[in-house]
Amino acid sequence: MKTMRDNSIPLGTSVIELLPDLAPGWRADVRLTVEQVLGQVSGLRESVDSTALAPLGDGPHALQEAARLVVGTRNEHEPGTRWS
């Protein structure tokens, strides 16, 4: 959030725009915004659990790989329509 504020990036910015390295495997709705993720109305499928995350470890690329797992599946429902 601090980085976004310091760089005048609006919350309505699409997540894929901020994480272009994830674009090749992106299966989530491309309209997904930072605001929807933070508001827990992203519509993302709750498919990544501790079993999937454990092999990633805690190295410098673990967070990006976890994000890749999350956006690598289709949305469960349209972003902004339901809290989850």
N, C-alpha and C. Protein backbone atom coordinates (compact mmCIF):
# COMPACT_ATOMS: atom_id res chain seq x y z
N MET A 1 0.83 -1.19 0.00
CA MET A 1 0.00 0.00 0.00
C MET A 1 0.87 1.25 0.00
N LYS A 2 1.94 1.21 0.80
CA LYS A 2 2.82 2.37 0.84
C LYS A 2 3.43 2.64 -0.53
N THR A 3 3.87 1.60 -1.21
CA THR A 3 4.44 1.76 -2.54
C THR A 3 3.42 2.32 -3.51
N MET A 4 2.20 1.83 -3.42
CA MET A 4 1.14 2.35 -4.29
C MET A 4 0.89 3.82 -4.03
N ARG A 5 0.81 4.17 -2.74
CA ARG A 5 0.57 5.57 -2.39
C ARG A 5 1.72 6.44 -2.86
N ASP A 6 2.95 6.01 -2.60
CA ASP A 6 4.13 6.81 -2.96
C ASP A 6 4.27 7.00 -4.47
N ASN A 7 3.72 6.07 -5.24
CA ASN A 7 3.82 6.14 -6.69
C ASN A 7 2.50 6.55 -7.35
N SER A 8 1.56 7.03 -6.55
CA SER A 8 0.26 7.50 -7.04
C SER A 8 -0.45 6.46 -7.91
N ILE A 9 -0.42 5.21 -7.46
CA ILE A 9 -1.11 4.13 -8.18
C ILE A 9 -2.49 3.97 -7.55
N PRO A 10 -3.56 4.17 -8.31
CA PRO A 10 -4.91 4.06 -7.76
C PRO A 10 -5.28 2.62 -7.41
N LEU A 11 -6.15 2.46 -6.42
CA LEU A 11 -6.61 1.13 -6.02
C LEU A 11 -7.38 0.43 -7.13
N GLY A 12 -7.89 1.19 -8.07
CA GLY A 12 -8.63 0.61 -9.18
C GLY A 12 -7.74 0.04 -10.28
N THR A 13 -6.44 0.04 -10.07
CA THR A 13 -5.50 -0.50 -11.04
C THR A 13 -5.65 -2.01 -11.11
N SER A 14 -5.60 -2.56 -12.32
CA SER A 14 -5.72 -4.01 -12.45
C SER A 14 -4.46 -4.69 -11.90
N VAL A 15 -4.67 -5.81 -11.26
CA VAL A 15 -3.57 -6.55 -10.65
C VAL A 15 -2.59 -7.03 -11.71
N ILE A 16 -3.10 -7.48 -12.84
CA ILE A 16 -2.23 -7.99 -13.90
C ILE A 16 -1.29 -6.90 -14.42
N GLU A 17 -1.74 -5.65 -14.36
CA GLU A 17 -0.90 -4.53 -14.78
C GLU A 17 0.28 -4.37 -13.83
N LEU A 18 0.06 -4.65 -12.55
CA LEU A 18 1.12 -4.51 -11.55
C LEU A 18 2.02 -5.75 -11.46
N LEU A 19 1.52 -6.88 -11.96
CA LEU A 19 2.28 -8.13 -11.90
C LEU A 19 2.40 -8.74 -13.30
N PRO A 20 3.02 -8.03 -14.24
CA PRO A 20 3.06 -8.50 -15.63
C PRO A 20 3.78 -9.84 -15.80
N ASP A 21 4.68 -10.19 -14.90
CA ASP A 21 5.39 -11.47 -15.01
C ASP A 21 4.44 -12.66 -14.87
N LEU A 22 3.27 -12.43 -14.26
CA LEU A 22 2.31 -13.51 -14.07
C LEU A 22 1.36 -13.66 -15.28
N ALA A 23 1.42 -12.74 -16.22
CA ALA A 23 0.49 -12.74 -17.35
C ALA A 23 0.46 -14.03 -18.17
N PRO A 24 1.59 -14.67 -18.46
CA PRO A 24 1.52 -15.88 -19.29
C PRO A 24 0.64 -17.00 -18.72
N GLY A 25 0.60 -17.16 -17.42
CA GLY A 25 -0.21 -18.21 -16.82
C GLY A 25 -1.50 -17.71 -16.19
N TRP A 26 -1.83 -16.45 -16.44
CA TRP A 26 -3.00 -15.81 -15.82
C TRP A 26 -4.29 -16.43 -16.35
N ARG A 27 -5.11 -16.97 -15.45
CA ARG A 27 -6.42 -17.52 -15.82
C ARG A 27 -7.55 -16.82 -15.08
N ALA A 28 -7.19 -15.99 -14.12
CA ALA A 28 -8.20 -15.22 -13.37
C ALA A 28 -8.71 -14.10 -14.27
N ASP A 29 -9.79 -13.47 -13.85
CA ASP A 29 -10.38 -12.36 -14.60
C ASP A 29 -9.34 -11.23 -14.70
N VAL A 30 -9.04 -10.79 -15.91
CA VAL A 30 -8.03 -9.75 -16.11
C VAL A 30 -8.48 -8.38 -15.60
N ARG A 31 -9.78 -8.24 -15.31
CA ARG A 31 -10.29 -6.96 -14.79
C ARG A 31 -10.10 -6.84 -13.28
N LEU A 32 -9.58 -7.87 -12.64
CA LEU A 32 -9.39 -7.89 -11.19
C LEU A 32 -8.52 -6.72 -10.73
N THR A 33 -9.01 -5.94 -9.74
CA THR A 33 -8.28 -4.76 -9.27
C THR A 33 -7.69 -5.00 -7.89
N VAL A 34 -6.75 -4.15 -7.53
CA VAL A 34 -6.15 -4.19 -6.20
C VAL A 34 -7.23 -3.98 -5.14
N GLU A 35 -8.12 -3.05 -5.38
CA GLU A 35 -9.20 -2.76 -4.43
C GLU A 35 -10.06 -4.00 -4.18
N GLN A 36 -10.35 -4.78 -5.22
CA GLN A 36 -11.15 -5.99 -5.05
C GLN A 36 -10.40 -7.05 -4.24
N VAL A 37 -9.11 -7.17 -4.47
CA VAL A 37 -8.32 -8.14 -3.70
C VAL A 37 -8.30 -7.73 -2.22
N LEU A 38 -8.02 -6.46 -1.95
CA LEU A 38 -7.96 -5.98 -0.57
C LEU A 38 -9.32 -6.04 0.13
N GLY A 39 -10.39 -5.84 -0.63
CA GLY A 39 -11.74 -5.87 -0.07
C GLY A 39 -12.32 -7.27 0.01
N GLN A 40 -11.54 -8.26 -0.37
CA GLN A 40 -11.94 -9.66 -0.35
C GLN A 40 -13.18 -9.93 -1.19
N VAL A 41 -13.26 -9.22 -2.32
CA VAL A 41 -14.33 -9.45 -3.30
C VAL A 41 -13.72 -9.73 -4.67
N SER A 42 -12.58 -10.41 -4.66
CA SER A 42 -11.85 -10.68 -5.90
C SER A 42 -12.51 -11.75 -6.76
N GLY A 43 -13.28 -12.62 -6.14
CA GLY A 43 -13.87 -13.72 -6.88
C GLY A 43 -12.90 -14.85 -7.15
N LEU A 44 -11.68 -14.72 -6.62
CA LEU A 44 -10.69 -15.76 -6.85
C LEU A 44 -11.08 -17.05 -6.14
N ARG A 45 -10.78 -18.14 -6.78
CA ARG A 45 -11.05 -19.47 -6.24
C ARG A 45 -10.13 -19.71 -5.04
N GLU A 46 -10.66 -20.23 -3.98
CA GLU A 46 -9.86 -20.53 -2.79
C GLU A 46 -9.24 -21.91 -2.95
N SER A 47 -8.27 -21.99 -3.86
CA SER A 47 -7.72 -23.29 -4.25
C SER A 47 -6.31 -23.54 -3.75
N VAL A 48 -5.66 -22.54 -3.20
CA VAL A 48 -4.29 -22.70 -2.75
C VAL A 48 -4.28 -22.81 -1.23
N ASP A 49 -3.85 -23.97 -0.76
CA ASP A 49 -3.80 -24.19 0.69
C ASP A 49 -2.36 -24.42 1.13
N SER A 50 -2.17 -24.72 2.40
CA SER A 50 -0.82 -24.89 2.95
C SER A 50 -0.06 -26.03 2.29
N THR A 51 -0.75 -27.04 1.80
CA THR A 51 -0.10 -28.15 1.12
C THR A 51 0.57 -27.67 -0.18
N ALA A 52 -0.09 -26.77 -0.88
CA ALA A 52 0.46 -26.23 -2.13
C ALA A 52 1.57 -25.21 -1.85
N LEU A 53 1.45 -24.50 -0.74
CA LEU A 53 2.42 -23.45 -0.43
C LEU A 53 3.70 -23.96 0.22
N ALA A 54 3.62 -25.02 0.96
CA ALA A 54 4.78 -25.55 1.70
C ALA A 54 6.01 -25.76 0.82
N PRO A 55 5.88 -26.36 -0.35
CA PRO A 55 7.07 -26.58 -1.18
C PRO A 55 7.74 -25.29 -1.68
N LEU A 56 7.03 -24.18 -1.63
CA LEU A 56 7.58 -22.92 -2.11
C LEU A 56 8.62 -22.36 -1.15
N GLY A 57 8.57 -22.78 0.11
CA GLY A 57 9.51 -22.28 1.10
C GLY A 57 9.25 -20.83 1.45
N ASP A 58 10.31 -20.15 1.87
CA ASP A 58 10.15 -18.75 2.26
C ASP A 58 11.22 -17.88 1.60
N GLY A 59 11.73 -18.34 0.49
CA GLY A 59 12.74 -17.57 -0.24
C GLY A 59 12.17 -16.35 -0.91
N PRO A 60 13.02 -15.62 -1.61
CA PRO A 60 12.60 -14.36 -2.23
C PRO A 60 11.53 -14.50 -3.31
N HIS A 61 11.40 -15.67 -3.90
CA HIS A 61 10.42 -15.85 -4.97
C HIS A 61 9.16 -16.56 -4.51
N ALA A 62 9.08 -16.91 -3.24
CA ALA A 62 7.94 -17.68 -2.73
C ALA A 62 6.62 -16.92 -2.88
N LEU A 63 6.61 -15.64 -2.59
CA LEU A 63 5.37 -14.86 -2.68
C LEU A 63 4.88 -14.77 -4.13
N GLN A 64 5.79 -14.54 -5.06
CA GLN A 64 5.40 -14.45 -6.47
C GLN A 64 4.89 -15.81 -6.96
N GLU A 65 5.52 -16.89 -6.54
CA GLU A 65 5.06 -18.22 -6.95
C GLU A 65 3.70 -18.55 -6.36
N ALA A 66 3.46 -18.10 -5.12
CA ALA A 66 2.14 -18.29 -4.51
C ALA A 66 1.08 -17.52 -5.29
N ALA A 67 1.39 -16.29 -5.68
CA ALA A 67 0.47 -15.49 -6.49
C ALA A 67 0.21 -16.17 -7.83
N ARG A 68 1.24 -16.76 -8.41
CA ARG A 68 1.10 -17.46 -9.68
C ARG A 68 0.11 -18.62 -9.54
N LEU A 69 0.18 -19.34 -8.42
CA LEU A 69 -0.76 -20.44 -8.18
C LEU A 69 -2.20 -19.93 -8.08
N VAL A 70 -2.38 -18.81 -7.40
CA VAL A 70 -3.73 -18.26 -7.20
C VAL A 70 -4.35 -17.79 -8.51
N VAL A 71 -3.61 -17.02 -9.30
CA VAL A 71 -4.18 -16.47 -10.54
C VAL A 71 -4.12 -17.46 -11.70
N GLY A 72 -3.54 -18.63 -11.45
CA GLY A 72 -3.46 -19.65 -12.48
C GLY A 72 -4.73 -20.47 -12.61
N THR A 73 -5.74 -20.15 -11.79
CA THR A 73 -7.04 -20.82 -11.91
C THR A 73 -8.09 -19.76 -12.23
N ARG A 74 -9.15 -20.17 -12.79
CA ARG A 74 -10.24 -19.24 -13.15
C ARG A 74 -10.94 -18.75 -11.88
N ASN A 75 -11.63 -17.64 -12.01
CA ASN A 75 -12.39 -17.11 -10.88
C ASN A 75 -13.55 -18.04 -10.52
N GLU A 76 -13.88 -18.03 -9.24
CA GLU A 76 -15.06 -18.77 -8.79
C GLU A 76 -16.32 -17.99 -9.12
N HIS A 77 -16.23 -16.67 -9.03
CA HIS A 77 -17.33 -15.79 -9.42
C HIS A 77 -16.74 -14.46 -9.89
N GLU A 78 -17.57 -13.63 -10.49
CA GLU A 78 -17.12 -12.36 -11.04
C GLU A 78 -16.60 -11.44 -9.94
N PRO A 79 -15.45 -10.77 -10.18
CA PRO A 79 -14.91 -9.85 -9.18
C PRO A 79 -15.93 -8.77 -8.80
N GLY A 80 -15.96 -8.46 -7.51
CA GLY A 80 -16.81 -7.38 -7.02
C GLY A 80 -18.24 -7.78 -6.71
N THR A 81 -18.61 -9.03 -6.95
CA THR A 81 -20.01 -9.42 -6.76
C THR A 81 -20.28 -10.11 -5.43
N ARG A 82 -19.24 -10.62 -4.79
CA ARG A 82 -19.48 -11.39 -3.57
C ARG A 82 -18.25 -11.38 -2.67
N TRP A 83 -18.45 -11.21 -1.40
CA TRP A 83 -17.37 -11.26 -0.44
C TRP A 83 -16.99 -12.71 -0.18
N SER A 84 -15.71 -12.96 -0.08
CA SER A 84 -15.23 -14.30 0.22
C SER A 84 -13.88 -14.24 0.87
